[in-house]
N, C-alpha and C. Protein backbone atom coordinates (compact mmCIF):
# COMPACT_ATOMS: atom_id res chain seq x y z
N MET A 1 33.76 6.34 5.83
CA MET A 1 32.37 6.76 5.85
C MET A 1 31.46 5.54 5.95
N GLN A 2 30.54 5.56 6.89
CA GLN A 2 29.62 4.44 7.05
C GLN A 2 28.38 4.67 6.21
N SER A 3 27.86 3.59 5.67
CA SER A 3 26.58 3.72 4.95
C SER A 3 25.54 2.90 5.69
N TYR A 4 24.41 3.48 5.86
CA TYR A 4 23.31 2.81 6.54
C TYR A 4 22.21 2.51 5.54
N ALA A 5 21.63 1.35 5.68
CA ALA A 5 20.51 0.99 4.81
C ALA A 5 19.34 1.90 5.15
N GLN A 6 18.69 2.41 4.14
CA GLN A 6 17.55 3.29 4.36
C GLN A 6 16.37 2.48 4.85
N LYS A 7 15.74 2.94 5.89
CA LYS A 7 14.52 2.32 6.41
C LYS A 7 13.37 3.10 5.79
N TYR A 8 12.55 2.44 5.03
CA TYR A 8 11.43 3.09 4.38
C TYR A 8 10.23 3.13 5.31
N ASP A 9 9.51 4.24 5.29
CA ASP A 9 8.30 4.28 6.09
C ASP A 9 7.10 3.90 5.22
N VAL A 10 5.98 3.73 5.86
CA VAL A 10 4.76 3.27 5.19
C VAL A 10 4.38 4.21 4.04
N PHE A 11 4.49 5.50 4.27
CA PHE A 11 4.05 6.45 3.26
C PHE A 11 4.98 6.50 2.05
N GLN A 12 6.27 6.33 2.28
CA GLN A 12 7.20 6.22 1.15
C GLN A 12 6.88 4.97 0.34
N ALA A 13 6.58 3.90 1.04
CA ALA A 13 6.32 2.62 0.37
C ALA A 13 5.07 2.68 -0.50
N ILE A 14 4.01 3.30 -0.01
CA ILE A 14 2.76 3.32 -0.79
C ILE A 14 2.72 4.45 -1.81
N ALA A 15 3.75 5.28 -1.84
CA ALA A 15 3.78 6.39 -2.80
C ALA A 15 3.90 5.91 -4.24
N ASP A 16 4.45 4.75 -4.45
CA ASP A 16 4.67 4.23 -5.80
C ASP A 16 3.47 3.40 -6.27
N PRO A 17 2.94 3.67 -7.48
CA PRO A 17 1.79 2.92 -7.98
C PRO A 17 2.04 1.42 -8.15
N THR A 18 3.25 1.04 -8.50
CA THR A 18 3.55 -0.38 -8.65
C THR A 18 3.46 -1.08 -7.30
N ARG A 19 4.00 -0.44 -6.27
CA ARG A 19 3.93 -1.05 -4.94
C ARG A 19 2.50 -1.13 -4.44
N ARG A 20 1.69 -0.13 -4.76
CA ARG A 20 0.27 -0.20 -4.36
C ARG A 20 -0.41 -1.37 -5.06
N GLU A 21 -0.06 -1.61 -6.30
CA GLU A 21 -0.64 -2.74 -7.04
C GLU A 21 -0.16 -4.07 -6.46
N VAL A 22 1.09 -4.14 -6.06
CA VAL A 22 1.62 -5.35 -5.41
C VAL A 22 0.84 -5.61 -4.13
N LEU A 23 0.58 -4.56 -3.35
CA LEU A 23 -0.19 -4.73 -2.12
C LEU A 23 -1.59 -5.26 -2.41
N LYS A 24 -2.18 -4.77 -3.49
CA LYS A 24 -3.51 -5.27 -3.89
C LYS A 24 -3.47 -6.76 -4.20
N LEU A 25 -2.45 -7.17 -4.92
CA LEU A 25 -2.30 -8.60 -5.25
C LEU A 25 -2.14 -9.44 -3.99
N LEU A 26 -1.34 -8.94 -3.07
CA LEU A 26 -1.07 -9.70 -1.85
C LEU A 26 -2.24 -9.66 -0.87
N ALA A 27 -3.16 -8.75 -1.06
CA ALA A 27 -4.35 -8.71 -0.21
C ALA A 27 -5.22 -9.92 -0.47
N GLU A 28 -5.12 -10.47 -1.67
CA GLU A 28 -5.93 -11.62 -2.04
C GLU A 28 -5.28 -12.95 -1.65
N ASN A 29 -3.96 -13.06 -1.87
CA ASN A 29 -3.25 -14.33 -1.65
C ASN A 29 -1.80 -14.09 -1.29
N GLU A 30 -1.22 -15.07 -0.65
CA GLU A 30 0.23 -15.12 -0.48
C GLU A 30 0.80 -15.53 -1.83
N LEU A 31 1.83 -14.83 -2.31
CA LEU A 31 2.35 -15.11 -3.64
C LEU A 31 3.87 -15.17 -3.66
N ALA A 32 4.39 -15.96 -4.57
CA ALA A 32 5.83 -16.01 -4.83
C ALA A 32 6.19 -14.84 -5.73
N ILE A 33 7.46 -14.47 -5.72
CA ILE A 33 7.90 -13.34 -6.53
C ILE A 33 7.63 -13.57 -8.02
N SER A 34 7.73 -14.82 -8.48
CA SER A 34 7.46 -15.10 -9.89
C SER A 34 5.99 -14.84 -10.23
N GLU A 35 5.10 -15.16 -9.30
CA GLU A 35 3.66 -14.90 -9.51
C GLU A 35 3.38 -13.40 -9.52
N ILE A 36 4.04 -12.68 -8.64
CA ILE A 36 3.86 -11.22 -8.59
C ILE A 36 4.40 -10.60 -9.87
N SER A 37 5.59 -11.01 -10.28
CA SER A 37 6.24 -10.47 -11.48
C SER A 37 5.41 -10.65 -12.73
N SER A 38 4.65 -11.71 -12.80
CA SER A 38 3.86 -11.99 -14.01
C SER A 38 2.77 -10.94 -14.25
N HIS A 39 2.47 -10.11 -13.27
CA HIS A 39 1.45 -9.08 -13.41
C HIS A 39 2.00 -7.74 -13.88
N PHE A 40 3.32 -7.65 -14.07
CA PHE A 40 3.94 -6.36 -14.39
C PHE A 40 4.89 -6.48 -15.57
N PRO A 41 4.98 -5.39 -16.35
CA PRO A 41 5.89 -5.40 -17.50
C PRO A 41 7.29 -4.94 -17.10
N MET A 42 7.84 -5.56 -16.05
CA MET A 42 9.18 -5.21 -15.59
C MET A 42 9.88 -6.48 -15.13
N SER A 43 11.16 -6.35 -14.89
CA SER A 43 11.95 -7.54 -14.52
C SER A 43 11.63 -8.01 -13.11
N ARG A 44 12.00 -9.22 -12.89
CA ARG A 44 11.84 -9.81 -11.56
C ARG A 44 12.69 -9.06 -10.54
N THR A 45 13.85 -8.59 -10.98
CA THR A 45 14.74 -7.82 -10.11
C THR A 45 14.07 -6.53 -9.67
N ALA A 46 13.37 -5.87 -10.59
CA ALA A 46 12.66 -4.63 -10.25
C ALA A 46 11.56 -4.91 -9.22
N ILE A 47 10.84 -6.00 -9.41
CA ILE A 47 9.79 -6.37 -8.46
C ILE A 47 10.42 -6.70 -7.10
N ALA A 48 11.57 -7.35 -7.11
CA ALA A 48 12.27 -7.68 -5.86
C ALA A 48 12.63 -6.39 -5.10
N LYS A 49 13.01 -5.36 -5.82
CA LYS A 49 13.33 -4.07 -5.18
C LYS A 49 12.07 -3.46 -4.56
N HIS A 50 10.97 -3.54 -5.27
CA HIS A 50 9.70 -3.04 -4.72
C HIS A 50 9.32 -3.83 -3.46
N LEU A 51 9.49 -5.14 -3.51
CA LEU A 51 9.17 -5.97 -2.35
C LEU A 51 10.09 -5.66 -1.17
N TYR A 52 11.33 -5.33 -1.48
CA TYR A 52 12.27 -4.96 -0.42
C TYR A 52 11.77 -3.70 0.30
N ILE A 53 11.34 -2.71 -0.45
CA ILE A 53 10.85 -1.47 0.15
C ILE A 53 9.58 -1.73 0.96
N LEU A 54 8.69 -2.55 0.43
CA LEU A 54 7.47 -2.90 1.16
C LEU A 54 7.81 -3.68 2.44
N SER A 55 8.82 -4.52 2.37
CA SER A 55 9.26 -5.27 3.56
C SER A 55 9.87 -4.34 4.60
N GLU A 56 10.68 -3.40 4.14
CA GLU A 56 11.30 -2.44 5.06
C GLU A 56 10.25 -1.59 5.78
N ALA A 57 9.16 -1.31 5.09
CA ALA A 57 8.06 -0.55 5.69
C ALA A 57 7.14 -1.45 6.51
N GLU A 58 7.45 -2.73 6.54
CA GLU A 58 6.70 -3.75 7.28
C GLU A 58 5.26 -3.91 6.79
N LEU A 59 5.06 -3.62 5.50
CA LEU A 59 3.74 -3.84 4.88
C LEU A 59 3.59 -5.26 4.37
N VAL A 60 4.71 -5.90 4.05
CA VAL A 60 4.70 -7.30 3.61
C VAL A 60 5.83 -8.04 4.33
N SER A 61 5.70 -9.34 4.35
CA SER A 61 6.78 -10.17 4.87
C SER A 61 6.96 -11.33 3.91
N GLY A 62 8.17 -11.84 3.89
CA GLY A 62 8.47 -12.96 3.01
C GLY A 62 8.99 -14.13 3.82
N LYS A 63 8.66 -15.32 3.35
CA LYS A 63 9.17 -16.52 4.00
C LYS A 63 9.61 -17.50 2.93
N LYS A 64 10.64 -18.23 3.24
CA LYS A 64 11.18 -19.21 2.31
C LYS A 64 10.32 -20.47 2.38
N VAL A 65 9.82 -20.90 1.22
CA VAL A 65 9.05 -22.13 1.12
C VAL A 65 9.70 -22.94 -0.01
N GLY A 66 10.45 -23.94 0.37
CA GLY A 66 11.18 -24.70 -0.64
C GLY A 66 12.24 -23.82 -1.27
N ARG A 67 12.21 -23.73 -2.59
CA ARG A 67 13.20 -22.94 -3.33
C ARG A 67 12.73 -21.51 -3.59
N GLU A 68 11.51 -21.20 -3.24
CA GLU A 68 11.00 -19.86 -3.52
C GLU A 68 10.68 -19.09 -2.25
N LYS A 69 10.60 -17.79 -2.40
CA LYS A 69 10.21 -16.94 -1.29
C LYS A 69 8.80 -16.47 -1.57
N ARG A 70 7.92 -16.64 -0.58
CA ARG A 70 6.53 -16.25 -0.72
C ARG A 70 6.28 -15.03 0.15
N TYR A 71 5.49 -14.11 -0.39
CA TYR A 71 5.22 -12.85 0.30
C TYR A 71 3.75 -12.79 0.71
N GLN A 72 3.54 -12.15 1.85
CA GLN A 72 2.17 -11.96 2.33
C GLN A 72 2.04 -10.56 2.91
N LEU A 73 0.82 -10.08 2.92
CA LEU A 73 0.51 -8.77 3.46
C LEU A 73 0.58 -8.80 4.98
N GLU A 74 1.04 -7.71 5.56
CA GLU A 74 1.07 -7.55 7.01
C GLU A 74 0.10 -6.44 7.39
N PRO A 75 -1.15 -6.81 7.68
CA PRO A 75 -2.20 -5.80 7.89
C PRO A 75 -1.95 -4.86 9.06
N GLU A 76 -1.15 -5.27 10.02
CA GLU A 76 -0.87 -4.44 11.20
C GLU A 76 -0.27 -3.08 10.80
N ALA A 77 0.57 -3.08 9.79
CA ALA A 77 1.24 -1.85 9.35
C ALA A 77 0.27 -0.83 8.76
N PHE A 78 -0.89 -1.28 8.34
CA PHE A 78 -1.86 -0.38 7.73
C PHE A 78 -2.57 0.49 8.77
N LYS A 79 -2.38 0.18 10.04
CA LYS A 79 -2.99 1.00 11.09
C LYS A 79 -2.49 2.44 11.04
N GLU A 80 -1.19 2.59 10.75
CA GLU A 80 -0.61 3.94 10.67
C GLU A 80 -1.29 4.74 9.55
N ILE A 81 -1.53 4.10 8.42
CA ILE A 81 -2.20 4.77 7.30
C ILE A 81 -3.63 5.11 7.70
N HIS A 82 -4.30 4.17 8.31
CA HIS A 82 -5.69 4.37 8.71
C HIS A 82 -5.81 5.53 9.70
N GLN A 83 -4.93 5.57 10.67
CA GLN A 83 -4.97 6.65 11.66
C GLN A 83 -4.75 8.01 11.00
N TRP A 84 -3.82 8.08 10.08
CA TRP A 84 -3.53 9.33 9.39
C TRP A 84 -4.73 9.76 8.55
N LEU A 85 -5.31 8.82 7.82
CA LEU A 85 -6.45 9.15 6.98
C LEU A 85 -7.69 9.51 7.79
N SER A 86 -7.90 8.85 8.91
CA SER A 86 -9.10 9.13 9.71
C SER A 86 -9.08 10.54 10.28
N TYR A 87 -7.89 11.09 10.52
CA TYR A 87 -7.80 12.48 10.97
C TYR A 87 -8.39 13.41 9.89
N TYR A 88 -8.06 13.16 8.64
CA TYR A 88 -8.51 14.01 7.54
C TYR A 88 -9.92 13.69 7.08
N GLU A 89 -10.43 12.56 7.49
CA GLU A 89 -11.78 12.15 7.10
C GLU A 89 -12.83 13.17 7.55
N ARG A 90 -12.61 13.77 8.70
CA ARG A 90 -13.58 14.74 9.21
C ARG A 90 -13.74 15.94 8.26
N PHE A 91 -12.65 16.30 7.56
CA PHE A 91 -12.76 17.40 6.60
C PHE A 91 -13.62 17.00 5.42
N TRP A 92 -13.45 15.75 4.95
CA TRP A 92 -14.26 15.24 3.85
C TRP A 92 -15.72 15.17 4.27
N ASN A 93 -15.97 14.66 5.46
CA ASN A 93 -17.35 14.54 5.94
C ASN A 93 -18.01 15.91 6.02
N ASN A 94 -17.27 16.91 6.46
CA ASN A 94 -17.80 18.27 6.54
C ASN A 94 -18.13 18.79 5.14
N LYS A 95 -17.23 18.59 4.20
CA LYS A 95 -17.46 19.05 2.82
C LYS A 95 -18.65 18.32 2.19
N LEU A 96 -18.77 17.04 2.46
CA LEU A 96 -19.90 16.27 1.90
C LEU A 96 -21.22 16.73 2.51
N SER A 97 -21.21 17.07 3.78
CA SER A 97 -22.43 17.59 4.43
C SER A 97 -22.86 18.91 3.80
N ILE A 98 -21.88 19.77 3.55
CA ILE A 98 -22.17 21.06 2.90
C ILE A 98 -22.72 20.83 1.51
N LEU A 99 -22.10 19.92 0.75
CA LEU A 99 -22.58 19.62 -0.61
C LEU A 99 -23.99 19.07 -0.57
N LYS A 100 -24.27 18.18 0.34
CA LYS A 100 -25.61 17.61 0.48
C LYS A 100 -26.62 18.70 0.77
N HIS A 101 -26.28 19.59 1.67
CA HIS A 101 -27.16 20.70 2.01
C HIS A 101 -27.43 21.58 0.78
N LEU A 102 -26.38 21.90 0.03
CA LEU A 102 -26.54 22.73 -1.16
C LEU A 102 -27.42 22.06 -2.21
N VAL A 103 -27.20 20.78 -2.43
CA VAL A 103 -27.98 20.04 -3.44
C VAL A 103 -29.44 19.96 -3.01
N GLU A 104 -29.68 19.65 -1.77
CA GLU A 104 -31.06 19.53 -1.30
C GLU A 104 -31.78 20.87 -1.33
N ASN A 105 -31.09 21.96 -1.02
CA ASN A 105 -31.71 23.28 -1.04
C ASN A 105 -31.91 23.77 -2.46
N GLU A 106 -31.08 23.33 -3.38
CA GLU A 106 -31.23 23.72 -4.79
C GLU A 106 -32.51 23.13 -5.37
N LYS A 107 -32.84 21.90 -4.94
CA LYS A 107 -34.06 21.25 -5.43
C LYS A 107 -35.31 22.01 -5.00
N GLU A 108 -35.25 22.68 -3.85
CA GLU A 108 -36.39 23.42 -3.34
C GLU A 108 -36.62 24.71 -4.10
N LEU A 109 -35.61 25.22 -4.78
CA LEU A 109 -35.74 26.49 -5.51
C LEU A 109 -36.57 26.39 -6.73
């Protein structure tokens, strides 16, 4: 029986709150795993697993610098999220327009 490594997609990767927080940290700076780990109450190994999933989804990339591996955000991968969200944005805009209309008409009463 062959086993294949699971390829994570962008939405699986951002589903976890810890990974979303890691992305936030990397949005500010390129960081080593030890720097990322210092922000969480979990082991470095656990953070490495989160980084692996983010890397598989191509949201982050890592490069070896000396003895450490440094991670950085890959903004190109966020286009898929943006495209998906922008489709649903029109529903929010419609609901907000209705709410605005209701609030403004309530003031006239």
